[in-house]
Amino acid sequence: MYDIFIGDVGVDAFFVLSSLLLTMIFMKKSIKLLVEGTSYRKWAYTLADYFSKRFFRVYPLFALLLIALWLMPFEYKHQFYKVNKPGDFNLFLTLIFYPEHQRILMWTLPLEISCYFVLSALVLSVLKTGRFWWMVFIPLYVWVVHEGLYTTRDNYYRQPLTKHLPTFIAGSMAAVIFVRLEAWMKTTGFKFRTLHTVALRVVEAVLVAAYLSVVFRGLFFNWLDASLPPATHYTMPFTSVKLSLLIVIEMVHPSMVSLIFEWIVLRYLGKISFSVNLLHVFVVYIQPIEEQVNDYDRTISEFGLMILLATVRGMRMS
């Protein structure tokens, strides 16, 4: 499991889901405001409400964790936050998202907040172009695919926003596709027939096969004699477009895949995912875990303890 960087695949999935859901909510609200002919003042209020709700939902835990780290002795800062010198940890600069001070578990939140501004601009561009929304959409989608195929992401938290922007854009564009499809289906009264369903399931099966093959660096690549070259260094796979399209298909015409992911255990893991993201270093970097030789023992220990820690945090915050 340690040669496929499954954690990074999960982080990308988190980014895709986050951008998809937020874009969909914001787009539907924006369409309603456009229909009502809302004033600029109300638009400003809506944007402020959109950003503030998301910000204050996640920032308190981020700030609390930073303060706890700041109060810890240097040896714990080095152990959990990988600080090399006492002066390297600056509480204020980390709290205000200064780029050079976002390490290990702290880099995702500033990245997400930066992307929210981009996603809102994308939604407004799509809506303002009206029937010609595809003129914005298609070139952007080509860019996302090109960046995913030809850009190497080999160090998550030391890379600029532009390296991860295609991941967020893929989720956001999936939301645009869904909203447009949903509106078209309601307007035309479209119903899925057997042929439509079969064609959609074939596309979905291909996407699932491609997604799993890329994540595990094998499977259908090996079975079809198109093996990938061995990984020579740490890189993050390009999965965002495949995952986002799978989500759209399941939202438009649900199948067994949706039923699997609606399993209460997976829904709970999704609920605590942000806490796991911020708190996992307090499990992964403790000595009893690091000293375990067997990979499976270490993986199961990490998984169980991270869920327990995130659950306790959720109970405390609720």
Protein backbone atom coordinates (compact mmCIF):
# COMPACT_ATOMS: atom_id res chain seq x y z
CA MET A 1 0.00 0.00 0.00
CA TYR A 2 2.92 2.35 0.59
CA ASP A 3 4.01 2.39 -3.06
CA ILE A 4 0.74 3.80 -4.46
CA PHE A 5 0.28 6.88 -2.22
CA ILE A 6 -3.35 6.10 -1.48
CA GLY A 7 -3.57 9.01 0.96
CA ASP A 8 -2.90 11.50 -1.82
CA VAL A 9 -5.63 9.92 -3.92
CA GLY A 10 -7.96 10.49 -0.98
CA VAL A 11 -6.92 14.14 -0.69
CA ASP A 12 -7.65 14.69 -4.38
CA ALA A 13 -11.05 13.02 -3.93
CA PHE A 14 -11.72 15.38 -1.02
CA PHE A 15 -10.85 18.39 -3.21
CA VAL A 16 -13.09 17.16 -6.04
CA LEU A 17 -16.06 16.54 -3.74
CA SER A 18 -15.58 19.83 -1.93
CA SER A 19 -15.42 21.90 -5.12
CA LEU A 20 -18.31 19.99 -6.71
CA LEU A 21 -20.68 20.46 -3.78
CA LEU A 22 -19.80 24.10 -3.17
CA THR A 23 -20.02 24.98 -6.86
CA MET A 24 -23.38 23.25 -7.20
CA ILE A 25 -24.82 25.08 -4.19
CA PHE A 26 -23.44 28.43 -5.31
CA MET A 27 -24.52 27.95 -8.93
CA LYS A 28 -28.12 27.08 -8.03
CA LYS A 29 -28.28 30.06 -5.70
CA SER A 30 -26.79 32.32 -8.39
CA ILE A 31 -29.31 31.14 -11.00
CA LYS A 32 -32.12 31.99 -8.60
CA LEU A 33 -30.68 35.47 -8.01
CA LEU A 34 -30.31 36.09 -11.76
CA VAL A 35 -33.92 35.09 -12.38
CA GLU A 36 -35.06 37.45 -9.61
CA GLY A 37 -32.97 40.32 -11.03
CA THR A 38 -31.21 40.79 -7.72
CA SER A 39 -29.33 44.00 -6.94
CA TYR A 40 -25.55 44.17 -6.65
CA ARG A 41 -25.94 44.68 -2.93
CA LYS A 42 -27.68 41.33 -2.51
CA TRP A 43 -25.09 39.69 -4.76
CA ALA A 44 -22.36 40.99 -2.47
CA TYR A 45 -24.23 39.69 0.56
CA THR A 46 -24.67 36.27 -1.08
CA LEU A 47 -20.97 36.01 -1.90
CA ALA A 48 -20.01 37.05 1.62
CA ASP A 49 -22.42 34.50 3.06
CA TYR A 50 -21.05 31.80 0.76
CA PHE A 51 -17.44 32.36 1.83
CA SER A 52 -18.03 33.07 5.51
CA LYS A 53 -20.10 29.94 6.17
CA ARG A 54 -17.47 27.68 4.67
CA PHE A 55 -14.61 29.57 6.33
CA PHE A 56 -16.03 29.46 9.85
CA ARG A 57 -17.01 25.83 9.48
CA VAL A 58 -13.40 24.70 9.13
CA TYR A 59 -11.17 27.48 10.49
CA PRO A 60 -11.82 27.01 14.25
CA LEU A 61 -10.26 23.52 14.33
CA PHE A 62 -7.38 24.77 12.18
CA ALA A 63 -6.68 27.64 14.60
CA LEU A 64 -7.13 25.49 17.71
CA LEU A 65 -4.67 22.93 16.40
CA LEU A 66 -2.09 25.61 15.60
CA ILE A 67 -2.37 27.11 19.08
CA ALA A 68 -1.93 23.65 20.60
CA LEU A 69 1.21 23.11 18.50
CA TRP A 70 2.52 26.54 19.47
CA LEU A 71 2.19 25.65 23.17
CA MET A 72 4.00 22.34 22.75
CA PRO A 73 7.74 21.95 23.41
CA PHE A 74 9.99 22.10 20.34
CA GLU A 75 10.51 18.32 20.29
CA TYR A 76 6.78 17.83 19.61
CA LYS A 77 6.76 20.56 16.96
CA HIS A 78 9.55 18.67 15.24
CA GLN A 79 7.82 15.31 15.65
CA PHE A 80 4.34 16.29 14.44
CA TYR A 81 4.90 19.41 12.32
CA LYS A 82 8.42 18.62 11.08
CA VAL A 83 9.86 21.92 12.32
CA ASN A 84 13.66 21.83 12.05
CA LYS A 85 14.46 24.88 14.19
CA PRO A 86 12.49 26.61 16.99
CA GLY A 87 12.23 29.83 14.97
CA ASP A 88 10.68 28.07 11.98
CA PHE A 89 7.23 27.89 13.56
CA ASN A 90 5.51 31.28 13.49
CA LEU A 91 1.97 31.10 14.87
CA PHE A 92 0.75 34.38 13.37
CA LEU A 93 2.08 33.71 9.86
CA THR A 94 0.61 30.22 9.88
CA LEU A 95 -2.79 31.49 11.07
CA ILE A 96 -2.97 34.02 8.21
CA PHE A 97 -2.03 31.36 5.63
CA TYR A 98 1.45 32.67 4.80
CA PRO A 99 2.66 30.20 2.11
CA GLU A 100 6.09 29.41 3.55
CA HIS A 101 4.54 28.37 6.87
CA GLN A 102 1.91 25.91 5.64
CA ARG A 103 3.48 22.50 6.15
CA ILE A 104 2.30 18.91 6.50
CA LEU A 105 -1.27 19.07 7.82
CA MET A 106 -1.83 22.82 7.41
CA TRP A 107 -1.59 23.37 3.65
CA THR A 108 -5.01 22.14 2.51
CA LEU A 109 -7.20 24.82 4.11
CA PRO A 110 -5.40 27.85 2.58
CA LEU A 111 -5.46 26.06 -0.77
CA GLU A 112 -9.20 25.40 -0.54
CA ILE A 113 -10.04 28.97 0.45
CA SER A 114 -7.95 30.33 -2.44
CA CYS A 115 -9.79 28.05 -4.85
CA TYR A 116 -13.22 29.21 -3.64
CA PHE A 117 -12.57 32.61 -5.21
CA VAL A 118 -11.64 30.96 -8.50
CA LEU A 119 -14.69 28.67 -8.44
CA SER A 120 -17.10 31.54 -7.82
CA ALA A 121 -15.58 33.40 -10.80
CA LEU A 122 -16.04 30.27 -12.94
CA VAL A 123 -19.72 29.97 -11.98
CA LEU A 124 -20.43 33.62 -12.75
CA SER A 125 -18.61 33.33 -16.10
CA VAL A 126 -20.68 30.29 -17.08
CA LEU A 127 -23.94 31.99 -16.08
CA LYS A 128 -23.14 35.31 -17.75
CA THR A 129 -22.38 33.64 -21.09
CA GLY A 130 -25.86 32.11 -21.12
CA ARG A 131 -26.41 29.71 -24.02
CA PHE A 132 -22.74 30.00 -24.97
CA TRP A 133 -21.49 28.67 -21.62
CA TRP A 134 -19.72 25.85 -23.47
CA MET A 135 -17.32 28.42 -24.98
CA VAL A 136 -15.88 28.88 -21.49
CA PHE A 137 -16.34 25.28 -20.49
CA ILE A 138 -14.69 23.30 -23.31
CA PRO A 139 -11.29 25.13 -23.41
CA LEU A 140 -11.12 24.94 -19.63
CA TYR A 141 -11.81 21.21 -19.67
CA VAL A 142 -9.09 20.68 -22.29
CA TRP A 143 -6.69 22.62 -20.05
CA VAL A 144 -7.58 20.47 -17.02
CA VAL A 145 -6.95 17.24 -18.94
CA HIS A 146 -3.69 18.58 -20.39
CA GLU A 147 -2.42 19.67 -16.97
CA GLY A 148 -3.40 16.34 -15.44
CA LEU A 149 -1.53 14.36 -18.07
CA TYR A 150 1.59 16.50 -18.42
CA THR A 151 2.09 18.22 -15.05
CA THR A 152 3.91 16.33 -12.31
CA ARG A 153 2.77 16.90 -8.74
CA ASP A 154 5.48 15.44 -6.55
CA ASN A 155 5.26 17.46 -3.34
CA TYR A 156 1.81 18.46 -2.16
CA TYR A 157 2.30 21.23 0.34
CA ARG A 158 5.34 22.85 -1.30
CA GLN A 159 3.57 23.48 -4.58
CA PRO A 160 1.64 26.61 -5.60
CA LEU A 161 -2.10 26.82 -6.12
CA THR A 162 -1.70 26.40 -9.89
CA LYS A 163 -0.51 22.81 -9.45
CA HIS A 164 -3.73 21.79 -7.69
CA LEU A 165 -6.14 24.15 -9.43
CA PRO A 166 -7.06 21.59 -12.16
CA THR A 167 -8.29 19.22 -9.44
CA PHE A 168 -10.67 21.84 -8.04
CA ILE A 169 -11.73 22.96 -11.52
CA ALA A 170 -12.57 19.36 -12.48
CA GLY A 171 -14.95 19.10 -9.53
CA SER A 172 -16.43 22.51 -10.25
CA MET A 173 -17.03 21.72 -13.92
CA ALA A 174 -18.70 18.45 -12.94
CA ALA A 175 -21.14 20.52 -10.89
CA VAL A 176 -21.81 22.74 -13.92
CA ILE A 177 -22.49 19.65 -16.07
CA PHE A 178 -24.91 18.27 -13.49
CA VAL A 179 -26.83 21.53 -13.01
CA ARG A 180 -27.17 22.00 -16.78
CA LEU A 181 -28.21 18.37 -17.32
CA GLU A 182 -30.71 18.49 -14.48
CA ALA A 183 -32.30 21.67 -15.87
CA TRP A 184 -32.44 20.20 -19.40
CA MET A 185 -34.03 16.96 -18.19
CA LYS A 186 -36.71 18.88 -16.29
CA THR A 187 -37.42 21.15 -19.25
CA THR A 188 -37.65 18.37 -21.85
CA GLY A 189 -39.14 15.70 -19.60
CA PHE A 190 -36.34 13.33 -20.57
CA LYS A 191 -36.57 9.79 -19.18
CA PHE A 192 -33.86 7.15 -19.33
CA ARG A 193 -34.75 4.23 -21.57
CA THR A 194 -33.04 0.85 -21.55
CA LEU A 195 -30.60 1.79 -24.31
CA HIS A 196 -29.66 5.03 -22.52
CA THR A 197 -29.09 3.16 -19.27
CA VAL A 198 -26.92 0.48 -20.89
CA ALA A 199 -24.79 3.10 -22.67
CA LEU A 200 -24.39 5.08 -19.45
CA ARG A 201 -23.37 1.98 -17.49
CA VAL A 202 -20.76 1.10 -20.13
CA VAL A 203 -19.25 4.59 -19.84
CA GLU A 204 -19.36 4.31 -16.05
CA ALA A 205 -17.65 0.91 -16.09
CA VAL A 206 -14.86 2.30 -18.29
CA LEU A 207 -14.40 5.24 -15.91
CA VAL A 208 -14.28 2.95 -12.86
CA ALA A 209 -11.74 0.69 -14.58
CA ALA A 210 -9.60 3.66 -15.61
CA TYR A 211 -9.80 5.23 -12.14
CA LEU A 212 -8.74 2.06 -10.31
CA SER A 213 -6.01 1.33 -12.87
CA VAL A 214 -4.49 4.79 -12.43
CA VAL A 215 -4.75 4.68 -8.63
CA PHE A 216 -3.10 1.25 -8.34
CA ARG A 217 -0.72 1.76 -11.27
CA GLY A 218 -1.71 -1.51 -12.92
CA LEU A 219 -4.88 -3.60 -13.31
CA PHE A 220 -6.16 -2.91 -16.83
CA PHE A 221 -2.84 -1.39 -17.86
CA ASN A 222 -1.22 -4.75 -17.09
CA TRP A 223 -4.09 -6.90 -18.35
CA LEU A 224 -4.08 -5.10 -21.71
CA ASP A 225 -0.27 -5.29 -22.02
CA ALA A 226 0.12 -1.54 -21.58
CA SER A 227 2.02 -1.59 -18.29
CA LEU A 228 3.07 1.71 -16.77
CA PRO A 229 6.79 2.23 -16.15
CA PRO A 230 7.86 1.70 -12.52
CA ALA A 231 7.54 4.80 -10.36
CA THR A 232 10.99 6.30 -9.79
CA HIS A 233 9.84 8.91 -7.29
CA TYR A 234 6.80 10.14 -5.39
CA THR A 235 4.05 11.47 -7.68
CA MET A 236 0.30 12.03 -7.38
CA PRO A 237 -1.87 10.32 -10.01
CA PHE A 238 -4.33 12.23 -12.19
CA THR A 239 -7.77 11.00 -11.05
CA SER A 240 -9.93 14.11 -10.72
CA VAL A 241 -11.67 14.09 -14.13
CA LYS A 242 -12.57 10.40 -13.95
CA LEU A 243 -13.88 10.71 -10.39
CA SER A 244 -15.87 13.87 -11.10
CA LEU A 245 -17.56 12.32 -14.15
CA LEU A 246 -18.43 9.22 -12.14
CA ILE A 247 -20.11 11.40 -9.54
CA VAL A 248 -22.12 13.21 -12.23
CA ILE A 249 -23.32 9.92 -13.71
CA GLU A 250 -24.41 8.66 -10.30
CA MET A 251 -26.22 11.91 -9.53
CA VAL A 252 -28.05 11.88 -12.86
CA HIS A 253 -28.91 8.16 -12.93
CA PRO A 254 -27.93 6.32 -9.69
CA SER A 255 -26.76 2.71 -9.76
CA MET A 256 -25.28 0.15 -7.40
CA VAL A 257 -22.22 2.40 -7.04
CA SER A 258 -24.34 5.01 -5.26
CA LEU A 259 -25.80 2.38 -2.95
CA ILE A 260 -22.30 1.26 -2.00
CA PHE A 261 -21.19 4.79 -1.13
CA GLU A 262 -24.39 5.47 0.79
CA TRP A 263 -23.33 2.76 3.24
CA ILE A 264 -23.50 4.37 6.67
CA VAL A 265 -19.86 3.55 7.45
CA LEU A 266 -18.60 5.38 4.36
CA ARG A 267 -20.94 8.30 5.03
CA TYR A 268 -19.50 8.58 8.53
CA LEU A 269 -15.94 8.49 7.21
CA GLY A 270 -16.84 11.33 4.87
CA LYS A 271 -18.24 13.30 7.79
CA ILE A 272 -15.02 13.08 9.79
CA SER A 273 -12.65 13.39 6.80
CA PHE A 274 -11.61 16.99 7.54
CA SER A 275 -10.78 16.11 11.15
CA VAL A 276 -8.79 13.09 9.96
CA ASN A 277 -6.90 15.32 7.53
CA LEU A 278 -5.84 17.76 10.25
CA LEU A 279 -5.26 15.30 13.08
CA HIS A 280 -3.69 12.30 11.35
CA VAL A 281 -0.11 13.39 12.12
CA PHE A 282 -0.78 12.83 15.83
CA VAL A 283 -1.26 9.17 14.97
CA VAL A 284 1.13 8.57 12.08
CA TYR A 285 4.18 10.11 13.77
CA ILE A 286 3.90 8.62 17.25
CA GLN A 287 6.69 6.21 18.13
CA PRO A 288 4.63 3.00 18.66
CA ILE A 289 3.15 3.39 15.16
CA GLU A 290 6.40 4.28 13.40
CA GLU A 291 8.20 1.32 14.98
CA GLN A 292 5.75 -1.27 13.60
CA VAL A 293 7.56 -3.27 10.93
CA ASN A 294 4.58 -4.95 9.27
CA ASP A 295 2.87 -2.60 6.79
CA TYR A 296 -0.57 -4.10 7.37
CA ASP A 297 -0.25 -3.83 11.16
CA ARG A 298 0.76 -0.19 10.81
CA THR A 299 -2.02 0.60 8.32
CA ILE A 300 -4.78 -0.92 10.48
CA SER A 301 -3.40 0.74 13.63
CA GLU A 302 -3.30 4.14 11.91
CA PHE A 303 -6.77 3.73 10.46
CA GLY A 304 -8.37 2.73 13.75
CA LEU A 305 -6.66 5.39 15.86
CA MET A 306 -7.36 8.18 13.35
CA ILE A 307 -11.07 7.34 13.29
CA LEU A 308 -11.12 7.25 17.10
CA LEU A 309 -9.33 10.61 17.40
CA ALA A 310 -11.57 12.29 14.80
CA THR A 311 -14.67 10.87 16.49
CA VAL A 312 -13.63 12.22 19.89
CA ARG A 313 -12.95 15.60 18.31
CA GLY A 314 -16.40 15.58 16.73
CA MET A 315 -18.05 14.79 20.06
CA ARG A 316 -16.13 17.61 21.76
CA MET A 317 -17.04 20.18 19.08
CA SER A 318 -20.73 19.21 18.86
